[in-house]
C-alpha atoms as a PDB file:
ATOM      1  CA  MET A   1      81.643 -42.465 116.010  1.00  0.00           C
ATOM      2  CA  VAL A   2      78.349 -42.402 114.373  1.00  0.00           C
ATOM      3  CA  ILE A   3      78.057 -43.024 110.379  1.00  0.00           C
ATOM      4  CA  ILE A   4      75.559 -42.973 107.856  1.00  0.00           C
ATOM      5  CA  ILE A   5      76.000 -44.949 104.522  1.00  0.00           C
ATOM      6  CA  LEU A   6      73.822 -43.885 101.653  1.00  0.00           C
ATOM      7  CA  GLY A   7      73.188 -45.523  98.453  1.00  0.00           C
ATOM      8  CA  ALA A   8      70.624 -47.198  96.157  1.00  0.00           C
ATOM      9  CA  PRO A   9      69.627 -50.733  96.795  1.00  0.00           C
ATOM     10  CA  GLY A  10      72.616 -53.012  95.640  1.00  0.00           C
ATOM     11  CA  SER A  11      75.221 -50.232  95.843  1.00  0.00           C
ATOM     12  CA  GLY A  12      77.088 -52.329  98.532  1.00  0.00           C
ATOM     13  CA  LYS A  13      75.921 -50.610 101.666  1.00  0.00           C
ATOM     14  CA  GLY A  14      75.571 -53.956 103.624  1.00  0.00           C
ATOM     15  CA  THR A  15      78.832 -55.220 102.644  1.00  0.00           C
ATOM     16  CA  GLN A  16      80.693 -52.026 103.422  1.00  0.00           C
ATOM     17  CA  CYS A  17      78.880 -51.632 106.662  1.00  0.00           C
ATOM     18  CA  LYS A  18      79.869 -55.150 107.921  1.00  0.00           C
ATOM     19  CA  TRP A  19      83.686 -54.217 107.039  1.00  0.00           C
ATOM     20  CA  ILE A  20      83.270 -50.876 108.833  1.00  0.00           C
ATOM     21  CA  SER A  21      81.641 -52.413 111.889  1.00  0.00           C
ATOM     22  CA  SER A  22      84.284 -55.106 112.144  1.00  0.00           C
ATOM     23  CA  LYS A  23      87.296 -52.820 111.624  1.00  0.00           C
ATOM     24  CA  TYR A  24      86.085 -50.117 113.885  1.00  0.00           C
ATOM     25  CA  GLY A  25      84.175 -52.086 116.547  1.00  0.00           C
ATOM     26  CA  ILE A  26      80.942 -50.156 116.146  1.00  0.00           C
ATOM     27  CA  GLU A  27      77.395 -51.529 116.050  1.00  0.00           C
ATOM     28  CA  HIS A  28      76.040 -52.162 112.513  1.00  0.00           C
ATOM     29  CA  ILE A  29      72.186 -51.080 112.305  1.00  0.00           C
ATOM     30  CA  SER A  30      70.793 -52.691 109.164  1.00  0.00           C
ATOM     31  CA  MET A  31      67.056 -51.355 108.759  1.00  0.00           C
ATOM     32  CA  GLY A  32      66.494 -53.961 106.095  1.00  0.00           C
ATOM     33  CA  ASP A  33      67.617 -56.779 108.305  1.00  0.00           C
ATOM     34  CA  ILE A  34      65.390 -55.610 111.081  1.00  0.00           C
ATOM     35  CA  PHE A  35      62.342 -55.186 108.959  1.00  0.00           C
ATOM     36  CA  ARG A  36      63.028 -58.705 107.512  1.00  0.00           C
ATOM     37  CA  LYS A  37      63.384 -60.134 111.037  1.00  0.00           C
ATOM     38  CA  ASN A  38      60.136 -58.731 111.921  1.00  0.00           C
ATOM     39  CA  ILE A  39      58.406 -59.877 108.691  1.00  0.00           C
ATOM     40  CA  LYS A  40      59.638 -63.442 109.421  1.00  0.00           C
ATOM     41  CA  GLU A  41      58.362 -63.292 112.901  1.00  0.00           C
ATOM     42  CA  ARG A  42      55.040 -61.899 111.892  1.00  0.00           C
ATOM     43  CA  THR A  43      55.273 -59.115 114.355  1.00  0.00           C
ATOM     44  CA  GLN A  44      52.884 -55.833 113.787  1.00  0.00           C
ATOM     45  CA  ILE A  45      55.750 -53.812 112.472  1.00  0.00           C
ATOM     46  CA  GLY A  46      56.810 -56.761 110.082  1.00  0.00           C
ATOM     47  CA  ILE A  47      53.173 -57.106 108.912  1.00  0.00           C
ATOM     48  CA  GLU A  48      52.944 -53.440 108.029  1.00  0.00           C
ATOM     49  CA  ALA A  49      56.456 -53.036 106.659  1.00  0.00           C
ATOM     50  CA  GLU A  50      55.981 -56.267 104.278  1.00  0.00           C
ATOM     51  CA  LYS A  51      53.008 -54.436 102.567  1.00  0.00           C
ATOM     52  CA  TYR A  52      55.554 -51.724 101.195  1.00  0.00           C
ATOM     53  CA  ILE A  53      58.805 -53.641 100.896  1.00  0.00           C
ATOM     54  CA  ASN A  54      57.110 -56.253  98.655  1.00  0.00           C
ATOM     55  CA  GLN A  55      56.275 -53.557  96.274  1.00  0.00           C
ATOM     56  CA  GLY A  56      59.653 -51.809  96.374  1.00  0.00           C
ATOM     57  CA  GLN A  57      58.266 -48.787  98.309  1.00  0.00           C
ATOM     58  CA  LEU A  58      59.787 -47.319 101.306  1.00  0.00           C
ATOM     59  CA  VAL A  59      58.367 -48.092 104.873  1.00  0.00           C
ATOM     60  CA  PRO A  60      56.512 -45.117 106.013  1.00  0.00           C
ATOM     61  CA  ASP A  61      58.412 -42.584 108.078  1.00  0.00           C
ATOM     62  CA  ASN A  62      56.417 -43.141 111.476  1.00  0.00           C
ATOM     63  CA  ILE A  63      57.059 -46.908 111.351  1.00  0.00           C
ATOM     64  CA  ALA A  64      60.847 -46.369 110.320  1.00  0.00           C
ATOM     65  CA  ILE A  65      61.450 -43.885 113.007  1.00  0.00           C
ATOM     66  CA  LYS A  66      59.684 -45.778 115.848  1.00  0.00           C
ATOM     67  CA  THR A  67      61.705 -48.953 114.751  1.00  0.00           C
ATOM     68  CA  LEU A  68      65.045 -47.198 114.754  1.00  0.00           C
ATOM     69  CA  GLU A  69      64.585 -45.457 117.867  1.00  0.00           C
ATOM     70  CA  GLU A  70      63.440 -48.621 119.758  1.00  0.00           C
ATOM     71  CA  THR A  71      66.339 -50.484 118.233  1.00  0.00           C
ATOM     72  CA  LEU A  72      68.956 -47.825 119.346  1.00  0.00           C
ATOM     73  CA  ASP A  73      67.276 -47.616 122.923  1.00  0.00           C
ATOM     74  CA  LYS A  74      68.254 -51.393 123.371  1.00  0.00           C
ATOM     75  CA  ILE A  75      71.899 -50.729 122.724  1.00  0.00           C
ATOM     76  CA  ASP A  76      73.928 -50.980 126.014  1.00  0.00           C
ATOM     77  CA  ASN A  77      76.746 -48.878 124.841  1.00  0.00           C
ATOM     78  CA  LEU A  78      75.489 -46.423 122.230  1.00  0.00           C
ATOM     79  CA  GLN A  79      78.329 -44.152 122.864  1.00  0.00           C
ATOM     80  CA  LYS A  80      80.808 -46.589 121.348  1.00  0.00           C
ATOM     81  CA  GLY A  81      79.475 -46.161 118.100  1.00  0.00           C
ATOM     82  CA  ILE A  82      76.995 -46.935 115.321  1.00  0.00           C
ATOM     83  CA  ILE A  83      76.825 -47.132 111.582  1.00  0.00           C
ATOM     84  CA  LEU A  84      73.324 -46.782 109.978  1.00  0.00           C
ATOM     85  CA  ASP A  85      72.525 -48.766 106.959  1.00  0.00           C
ATOM     86  CA  GLY A  86      69.209 -48.072 105.242  1.00  0.00           C
ATOM     87  CA  TYR A  87      68.318 -45.041 107.594  1.00  0.00           C
ATOM     88  CA  PRO A  88      67.525 -42.440 107.215  1.00  0.00           C
ATOM     89  CA  ARG A  89      65.702 -42.670 103.861  1.00  0.00           C
ATOM     90  CA  THR A  90      63.830 -39.263 103.771  1.00  0.00           C
ATOM     91  CA  ILE A  91      64.338 -35.865 104.988  1.00  0.00           C
ATOM     92  CA  ILE A  92      61.920 -36.317 107.875  1.00  0.00           C
ATOM     93  CA  GLN A  93      63.745 -39.393 109.055  1.00  0.00           C
ATOM     94  CA  ALA A  94      67.129 -37.466 108.882  1.00  0.00           C
ATOM     95  CA  GLU A  95      65.646 -34.668 111.040  1.00  0.00           C
ATOM     96  CA  LYS A  96      64.120 -37.079 113.535  1.00  0.00           C
ATOM     97  CA  LEU A  97      67.526 -38.658 113.687  1.00  0.00           C
ATOM     98  CA  ASP A  98      69.294 -35.388 114.512  1.00  0.00           C
ATOM     99  CA  GLU A  99      66.978 -34.908 117.354  1.00  0.00           C
ATOM    100  CA  TYR A 100      67.550 -38.368 118.604  1.00  0.00           C
ATOM    101  CA  LEU A 101      71.232 -37.924 118.565  1.00  0.00           C
ATOM    102  CA  GLU A 102      71.034 -34.600 120.453  1.00  0.00           C
ATOM    103  CA  ARG A 103      68.991 -36.148 123.194  1.00  0.00           C
ATOM    104  CA  LYS A 104      71.770 -38.685 123.520  1.00  0.00           C
ATOM    105  CA  SER A 105      74.598 -36.262 123.489  1.00  0.00           C
ATOM    106  CA  LEU A 106      75.807 -37.885 120.194  1.00  0.00           C
ATOM    107  CA  LYS A 107      76.742 -36.188 116.973  1.00  0.00           C
ATOM    108  CA  LEU A 108      76.816 -37.530 113.429  1.00  0.00           C
ATOM    109  CA  ASP A 109      80.330 -37.649 112.318  1.00  0.00           C
ATOM    110  CA  ALA A 110      80.199 -38.766 108.632  1.00  0.00           C
ATOM    111  CA  VAL A 111      77.795 -39.596 105.743  1.00  0.00           C
ATOM    112  CA  ILE A 112      79.249 -41.918 103.171  1.00  0.00           C
ATOM    113  CA  ASN A 113      77.329 -41.757  99.874  1.00  0.00           C
ATOM    114  CA  LEU A 114      77.953 -44.986  97.595  1.00  0.00           C
ATOM    115  CA  THR A 115      77.254 -44.151  93.853  1.00  0.00           C
ATOM    116  CA  ILE A 116      77.151 -46.781  91.114  1.00  0.00           C
ATOM    117  CA  PRO A 117      75.107 -46.523  87.630  1.00  0.00           C
ATOM    118  CA  ASP A 118      71.565 -47.652  87.724  1.00  0.00           C
ATOM    119  CA  GLU A 119      72.211 -50.607  85.335  1.00  0.00           C
ATOM    120  CA  GLU A 120      74.931 -51.896  87.709  1.00  0.00           C
ATOM    121  CA  ILE A 121      72.377 -51.666  90.694  1.00  0.00           C
ATOM    122  CA  ILE A 122      69.859 -53.782  88.715  1.00  0.00           C
ATOM    123  CA  SER A 123      72.521 -56.441  87.849  1.00  0.00           C
ATOM    124  CA  ARG A 124      73.883 -56.566  91.468  1.00  0.00           C
ATOM    125  CA  VAL A 125      70.461 -56.832  92.944  1.00  0.00           C
ATOM    126  CA  VAL A 126      69.197 -59.587  90.616  1.00  0.00           C
ATOM    127  CA  ASN A 127      72.463 -61.598  91.083  1.00  0.00           C
ATOM    128  CA  ARG A 128      72.464 -61.040  94.737  1.00  0.00           C
ATOM    129  CA  ARG A 129      72.512 -64.155  97.182  1.00  0.00           C
ATOM    130  CA  ILE A 130      72.589 -64.087 101.046  1.00  0.00           C
ATOM    131  CA  CYS A 131      73.743 -66.502 103.484  1.00  0.00           C
ATOM    132  CA  SER A 132      70.634 -68.161 105.120  1.00  0.00           C
ATOM    133  CA  ASN A 133      72.459 -68.261 108.527  1.00  0.00           C
ATOM    134  CA  SER A 134      71.314 -65.096 110.353  1.00  0.00           C
ATOM    135  CA  ASN A 135      74.473 -64.971 112.487  1.00  0.00           C
ATOM    136  CA  CYS A 136      76.532 -64.868 109.352  1.00  0.00           C
ATOM    137  CA  GLY A 137      74.529 -62.919 106.587  1.00  0.00           C
ATOM    138  CA  GLU A 138      77.513 -62.886 104.143  1.00  0.00           C
ATOM    139  CA  ILE A 139      76.555 -61.381 100.875  1.00  0.00           C
ATOM    140  CA  TYR A 140      77.622 -62.884  97.368  1.00  0.00           C
ATOM    141  CA  ASN A 141      76.977 -61.924  93.895  1.00  0.00           C
ATOM    142  CA  ILE A 142      76.733 -64.991  91.647  1.00  0.00           C
ATOM    143  CA  LYS A 143      78.148 -63.032  88.793  1.00  0.00           C
ATOM    144  CA  ASN A 144      80.872 -60.811  90.308  1.00  0.00           C
ATOM    145  CA  ASN A 145      81.657 -62.282  93.735  1.00  0.00           C
ATOM    146  CA  PRO A 146      80.230 -66.037  93.531  1.00  0.00           C
ATOM    147  CA  PRO A 147      80.974 -68.415  96.410  1.00  0.00           C
ATOM    148  CA  HIS A 148      83.536 -71.038  95.934  1.00  0.00           C
ATOM    149  CA  LYS A 149      80.809 -73.757  96.149  1.00  0.00           C
ATOM    150  CA  GLU A 150      77.682 -72.947  94.296  1.00  0.00           C
ATOM    151  CA  ASN A 151      74.873 -71.864  96.558  1.00  0.00           C
ATOM    152  CA  ILE A 152      76.999 -72.560  99.760  1.00  0.00           C
ATOM    153  CA  CYS A 153      78.523 -69.679 102.115  1.00  0.00           C
ATOM    154  CA  ASP A 154      82.244 -69.841 102.121  1.00  0.00           C
ATOM    155  CA  LYS A 155      82.300 -68.603 105.520  1.00  0.00           C
ATOM    156  CA  CYS A 156      79.792 -70.899 107.460  1.00  0.00           C
ATOM    157  CA  GLY A 157      78.685 -73.464 105.003  1.00  0.00           C
ATOM    158  CA  ALA A 158      75.014 -72.589 105.092  1.00  0.00           C
ATOM    159  CA  PRO A 159      72.863 -72.546 101.896  1.00  0.00           C
ATOM    160  CA  LEU A 160      72.494 -69.214 100.200  1.00  0.00           C
ATOM    161  CA  ILE A 161      69.244 -67.723  99.336  1.00  0.00           C
ATOM    162  CA  LYS A 162      67.698 -65.114  97.016  1.00  0.00           C
ATOM    163  CA  ARG A 163      65.612 -62.631  98.752  1.00  0.00           C
ATOM    164  CA  ASP A 164      61.743 -62.475  97.453  1.00  0.00           C
ATOM    165  CA  ASP A 165      62.381 -58.702  96.588  1.00  0.00           C
ATOM    166  CA  ASP A 166      65.575 -59.259  94.642  1.00  0.00           C
ATOM    167  CA  ASN A 167      63.942 -59.300  91.237  1.00  0.00           C
ATOM    168  CA  GLU A 168      64.281 -57.008  88.320  1.00  0.00           C
ATOM    169  CA  GLU A 169      60.722 -55.429  88.573  1.00  0.00           C
ATOM    170  CA  THR A 170      61.047 -54.591  92.245  1.00  0.00           C
ATOM    171  CA  ALA A 171      64.754 -53.457  91.670  1.00  0.00           C
ATOM    172  CA  LEU A 172      63.576 -51.001  89.041  1.00  0.00           C
ATOM    173  CA  ASN A 173      60.979 -49.673  91.201  1.00  0.00           C
ATOM    174  CA  ARG A 174      63.359 -49.440  94.194  1.00  0.00           C
ATOM    175  CA  VAL A 175      65.790 -47.365  92.289  1.00  0.00           C
ATOM    176  CA  GLU A 176      62.995 -45.148  91.072  1.00  0.00           C
ATOM    177  CA  VAL A 177      61.748 -44.607  94.460  1.00  0.00           C
ATOM    178  CA  TYR A 178      65.513 -44.060  95.882  1.00  0.00           C
ATOM    179  CA  HIS A 179      66.022 -41.312  93.347  1.00  0.00           C
ATOM    180  CA  LYS A 180      62.879 -39.594  94.073  1.00  0.00           C
ATOM    181  CA  GLN A 181      62.676 -39.658  97.877  1.00  0.00           C
ATOM    182  CA  THR A 182      66.269 -40.476  99.226  1.00  0.00           C
ATOM    183  CA  GLU A 183      68.580 -38.441  97.043  1.00  0.00           C
ATOM    184  CA  PRO A 184      67.491 -35.206  98.644  1.00  0.00           C
ATOM    185  CA  LEU A 185      69.269 -36.469 101.652  1.00  0.00           C
ATOM    186  CA  ILE A 186      72.579 -35.903  99.577  1.00  0.00           C
ATOM    187  CA  ARG A 187      71.829 -32.154  99.555  1.00  0.00           C
ATOM    188  CA  TYR A 188      70.762 -32.171 103.175  1.00  0.00           C
ATOM    189  CA  TYR A 189      73.962 -33.662 104.378  1.00  0.00           C
ATOM    190  CA  ASN A 190      76.151 -31.827 101.885  1.00  0.00           C
ATOM    191  CA  GLU A 191      74.789 -28.499 103.221  1.00  0.00           C
ATOM    192  CA  LYS A 192      75.840 -29.897 106.714  1.00  0.00           C
ATOM    193  CA  GLY A 193      79.458 -30.355 105.461  1.00  0.00           C
ATOM    194  CA  ILE A 194      79.460 -34.066 106.371  1.00  0.00           C
ATOM    195  CA  LEU A 195      78.768 -35.752 102.928  1.00  0.00           C
ATOM    196  CA  ASN A 196      81.489 -38.032 101.424  1.00  0.00           C
ATOM    197  CA  THR A 197      80.779 -39.285  97.926  1.00  0.00           C
ATOM    198  CA  VAL A 198      82.493 -42.734  97.071  1.00  0.00           C
ATOM    199  CA  HIS A 199      82.157 -44.256  93.653  1.00  0.00           C
ATOM    200  CA  GLY A 200      81.456 -47.990  94.397  1.00  0.00           C
ATOM    201  CA  ILE A 201      82.100 -49.412  90.935  1.00  0.00           C
ATOM    202  CA  GLY A 202      85.759 -50.331  91.505  1.00  0.00           C
ATOM    203  CA  THR A 203      86.934 -53.430  93.583  1.00  0.00           C
ATOM    204  CA  LEU A 204      85.806 -54.020  96.983  1.00  0.00           C
ATOM    205  CA  GLU A 205      89.406 -53.068  98.341  1.00  0.00           C
ATOM    206  CA  GLU A 206      89.518 -49.898  96.243  1.00  0.00           C
ATOM    207  CA  THR A 207      86.194 -48.759  97.780  1.00  0.00           C
ATOM    208  CA  GLN A 208      87.245 -49.755 101.343  1.00  0.00           C
ATOM    209  CA  LYS A 209      90.492 -47.793 100.783  1.00  0.00           C
ATOM    210  CA  TYR A 210      88.469 -44.691  99.854  1.00  0.00           C
ATOM    211  CA  ILE A 211      86.246 -45.102 103.000  1.00  0.00           C
ATOM    212  CA  GLU A 212      89.136 -45.599 105.303  1.00  0.00           C
ATOM    213  CA  ASN A 213      90.719 -42.387 104.206  1.00  0.00           C
ATOM    214  CA  ILE A 214      87.407 -40.690 104.833  1.00  0.00           C
ATOM    215  CA  LEU A 215      87.059 -42.232 108.491  1.00  0.00           C
ATOM    216  CA  LYS A 216      90.780 -41.405 109.294  1.00  0.00           C
ATOM    217  CA  GLY A 217      89.725 -37.686 109.044  1.00  0.00           C
ATOM    218  CA  ILE A 218      87.080 -37.921 111.778  1.00  0.00           C
END
């Protein structure tokens, strides 16, 4: 099973991907997490990616494509399935992904497009908190989904952190970039007949139910 989840920053991609990964036993590939890890470790990829991410811009295609393919090449059992979170972001990346999957004798089964209003996206991003434990990575929203104990992860007890790029100015720019550069992917995958749009403004359980119904049809 190969799945892509599309959506603007703050639309809930990460939360839904973790749920899908756990429920269906497939690998969750988060490009944001991969880039942040490289930034923290000060790798060459991280240094280059940081210049764009901190400004709310997309990482250039050549860097994103190389990073994804190198990541997928390291997965022992790729045939078991993957869900891609934050990739592709452009048509060029989508085309290169098609080529990669064909080389690996895989096919893209479904594209899930999470949609929420822009004002809700900004609110979610600004109020988002992430578990500092990289082995956990649980995501909270201090307004709509706060932890039971302030700034402490419910699951592992580690402190919660606010990412440097989770501020209103960067969020506004990221939403603008998304509409301009990533929304064409909606048309691209719709033409392939594998696009499924899910309105992510409801409860977490409601959104998951919609997604579950989509994946049952694969």
